[in-house]
């Protein structure tokens, strides 16, 4: 079937007089791509538009910031897990050796808590925001006020989860 469709498509491309997808006849474009791009850039210059949208144009909103943070925590988790796996393969000693090493450093409680919190944050945020995305996939909570409310709920759950786990 795929070969038949491919052959038919090639035949249509070679012969511009063959009707394609409901069109009576394929008609060549009146302008070239270069002319279209020139017209596009002249219009942008006339309207004083920037070359491309950038962060100084947009007002940051909670959903926008949370989307950026979700992508960032995903990348952080991927990099962190990869580095942990490489370290487990290459470093001498086992996991308990390194746990004992940190315990023997006698670090201040606040520094240990901050370290645990910062390690926990990407896991907790990415997980809770993933649950929110699953709710969106079901078609619920898609209106902007609901998106904002669920955003604040995700942030509250993230900080509560991290605070609880860091306190252990």
Protein backbone atom coordinates (compact mmCIF):
# COMPACT_ATOMS: atom_id res chain seq x y z
CA UNK A 1 0.00 0.00 0.00
CA UNK A 2 2.81 2.39 0.89
CA UNK A 3 4.57 1.66 -2.40
CA UNK A 4 1.37 2.35 -4.31
CA UNK A 5 0.86 5.70 -2.55
CA UNK A 6 4.49 6.65 -3.09
CA UNK A 7 4.29 5.83 -6.79
CA UNK A 8 1.05 7.83 -7.14
CA UNK A 9 2.61 10.78 -5.35
CA UNK A 10 5.66 10.74 -7.59
CA UNK A 11 3.45 10.55 -10.66
CA UNK A 12 1.48 13.61 -9.46
CA UNK A 13 4.67 15.56 -8.85
CA UNK A 14 6.05 14.76 -12.30
CA UNK A 15 2.82 15.61 -14.10
CA UNK A 16 1.34 18.98 -13.05
CA UNK A 17 -1.91 18.24 -14.97
CA UNK A 18 -2.97 15.42 -12.61
CA UNK A 19 -5.64 16.45 -10.08
CA UNK A 20 -4.31 16.26 -6.53
CA UNK A 21 -6.25 16.23 -3.26
CA UNK A 22 -9.44 17.79 -4.57
CA UNK A 23 -7.70 20.51 -6.57
CA UNK A 24 -8.72 20.60 -10.22
CA UNK A 25 -5.24 21.32 -11.53
CA UNK A 26 -1.94 22.17 -9.92
CA UNK A 27 -1.18 25.77 -10.81
CA UNK A 28 2.32 27.18 -10.44
CA UNK A 29 2.69 30.00 -7.92
CA UNK A 30 2.53 33.55 -9.25
CA UNK A 31 5.48 34.69 -7.09
CA UNK A 32 8.71 33.07 -6.11
CA UNK A 33 9.75 32.29 -2.56
CA UNK A 34 12.35 35.06 -2.70
CA UNK A 35 9.70 37.62 -3.65
CA UNK A 36 7.48 36.42 -0.80
CA UNK A 37 10.31 36.74 1.72
CA UNK A 38 11.23 40.20 0.43
CA UNK A 39 7.61 41.30 0.85
CA UNK A 40 7.54 39.78 4.36
CA UNK A 41 10.71 41.65 5.48
CA UNK A 42 9.55 44.95 3.97
CA UNK A 43 6.25 44.66 5.84
CA UNK A 44 8.12 43.96 9.11
CA UNK A 45 10.38 46.97 8.56
CA UNK A 46 7.39 49.19 7.74
CA UNK A 47 5.60 48.07 10.94
CA UNK A 48 8.85 48.45 12.96
CA UNK A 49 8.72 44.85 14.16
CA UNK A 50 11.74 43.21 15.80
CA UNK A 51 13.61 40.49 13.95
CA UNK A 52 12.19 37.79 16.19
CA UNK A 53 10.15 37.64 19.39
CA UNK A 54 12.35 37.74 22.46
CA UNK A 55 11.87 37.67 26.22
CA UNK A 56 11.80 41.45 26.63
CA UNK A 57 8.58 41.63 24.58
CA UNK A 58 6.55 39.17 26.62
CA UNK A 59 5.19 39.80 30.10
CA UNK A 60 6.04 36.76 32.19
CA UNK A 61 3.00 34.91 33.46
CA UNK A 62 2.78 32.02 35.89
CA UNK A 63 1.98 29.39 33.22
CA UNK A 64 4.87 30.63 31.06
CA UNK A 65 7.36 30.53 33.93
CA UNK A 66 6.13 27.11 35.04
CA UNK A 67 6.51 25.75 31.51
CA UNK A 68 10.12 26.95 31.41
CA UNK A 69 10.73 25.51 34.88
CA UNK A 70 9.16 22.17 33.89
CA UNK A 71 11.51 21.88 30.93
CA UNK A 72 14.47 22.94 33.06
CA UNK A 73 13.73 20.41 35.79
CA UNK A 74 13.33 17.70 33.16
CA UNK A 75 16.75 18.51 31.73
CA UNK A 76 18.23 18.70 35.24
CA UNK A 77 16.80 15.31 36.16
CA UNK A 78 18.12 13.75 32.97
CA UNK A 79 21.60 15.21 33.46
CA UNK A 80 21.64 14.37 37.19
CA UNK A 81 20.63 10.76 36.70
CA UNK A 82 23.19 10.36 33.92
CA UNK A 83 25.98 11.85 36.06
CA UNK A 84 24.97 9.67 39.02
CA UNK A 85 25.10 6.55 36.83
CA UNK A 86 28.51 7.46 35.42
CA UNK A 87 29.81 8.24 38.91
CA UNK A 88 28.49 4.90 40.21
CA UNK A 89 30.39 3.13 37.46
CA UNK A 90 33.66 5.04 37.64
CA UNK A 91 34.23 6.11 41.26
CA UNK A 92 35.82 3.70 43.70
CA UNK A 93 33.85 2.54 46.74
CA UNK A 94 30.15 2.02 47.13
CA UNK A 95 27.28 4.35 48.02
CA UNK A 96 27.63 3.89 51.78
CA UNK A 97 31.26 5.02 51.56
CA UNK A 98 30.18 8.40 50.16
CA UNK A 99 27.29 8.76 52.62
CA UNK A 100 29.76 8.21 55.48
CA UNK A 101 32.15 10.68 53.84
CA UNK A 102 29.45 13.39 53.94
CA UNK A 103 28.50 12.53 57.52
CA UNK A 104 32.13 12.86 58.64
CA UNK A 105 32.44 16.34 57.11
CA UNK A 106 30.34 17.78 60.00
CA UNK A 107 28.51 20.23 57.74
CA UNK A 108 26.09 22.72 59.34
CA UNK A 109 22.46 21.56 59.56
CA UNK A 110 21.26 24.47 57.40
CA UNK A 111 23.66 23.54 54.59
CA UNK A 112 22.56 19.88 54.70
CA UNK A 113 18.89 20.94 54.64
CA UNK A 114 19.51 23.29 51.69
CA UNK A 115 21.36 20.55 49.84
CA UNK A 116 18.57 18.03 50.38
CA UNK A 117 15.98 20.62 49.36
CA UNK A 118 17.83 21.48 46.15
CA UNK A 119 18.20 17.81 45.22
CA UNK A 120 14.53 17.15 45.98
CA UNK A 121 13.14 20.19 44.13
CA UNK A 122 13.49 18.96 40.51
CA UNK A 123 11.96 15.58 41.40
CA UNK A 124 9.04 17.05 43.31
CA UNK A 125 8.28 19.89 40.89
CA UNK A 126 8.53 17.75 37.76
CA UNK A 127 6.34 15.06 39.35
CA UNK A 128 3.59 17.40 40.59
CA UNK A 129 3.59 19.39 37.35
CA UNK A 130 3.41 16.10 35.43
CA UNK A 131 0.29 15.20 37.41
CA UNK A 132 -1.16 18.58 36.42
CA UNK A 133 -0.35 17.83 32.77
CA UNK A 134 -2.14 14.48 33.09
CA UNK A 135 -5.20 16.35 34.37
CA UNK A 136 -4.96 18.65 31.36
CA UNK A 137 -4.78 15.61 29.07
CA UNK A 138 -8.14 14.51 30.44
CA UNK A 139 -9.56 17.87 29.35
CA UNK A 140 -10.04 19.43 32.79
CA UNK A 141 -8.66 22.66 34.28
CA UNK A 142 -7.77 24.22 30.92
CA UNK A 143 -9.25 27.68 31.43
CA UNK A 144 -6.75 30.38 32.44
CA UNK A 145 -8.06 30.90 36.03
CA UNK A 146 -7.91 27.14 36.59
CA UNK A 147 -4.44 26.97 35.07
CA UNK A 148 -3.27 29.66 37.51
CA UNK A 149 -4.90 27.94 40.51
CA UNK A 150 -3.40 24.56 39.65
CA UNK A 151 -0.05 26.29 39.12
CA UNK A 152 -0.11 27.68 42.64
CA UNK A 153 -1.21 24.26 43.92
CA UNK A 154 1.75 22.61 42.17
CA UNK A 155 4.14 25.13 43.71
CA UNK A 156 2.65 24.64 47.19
CA UNK A 157 2.82 20.85 46.89
CA UNK A 158 6.39 21.06 45.60
CA UNK A 159 7.62 23.18 48.49
CA UNK A 160 5.72 21.10 51.05
CA UNK A 161 7.13 17.87 49.62
CA UNK A 162 10.67 19.23 49.54
CA UNK A 163 10.45 20.70 53.04
CA UNK A 164 9.18 17.38 54.40
CA UNK A 165 11.76 15.25 52.64
CA UNK A 166 14.64 17.59 53.47
CA UNK A 167 13.68 17.49 57.15
CA UNK A 168 14.16 13.70 57.25
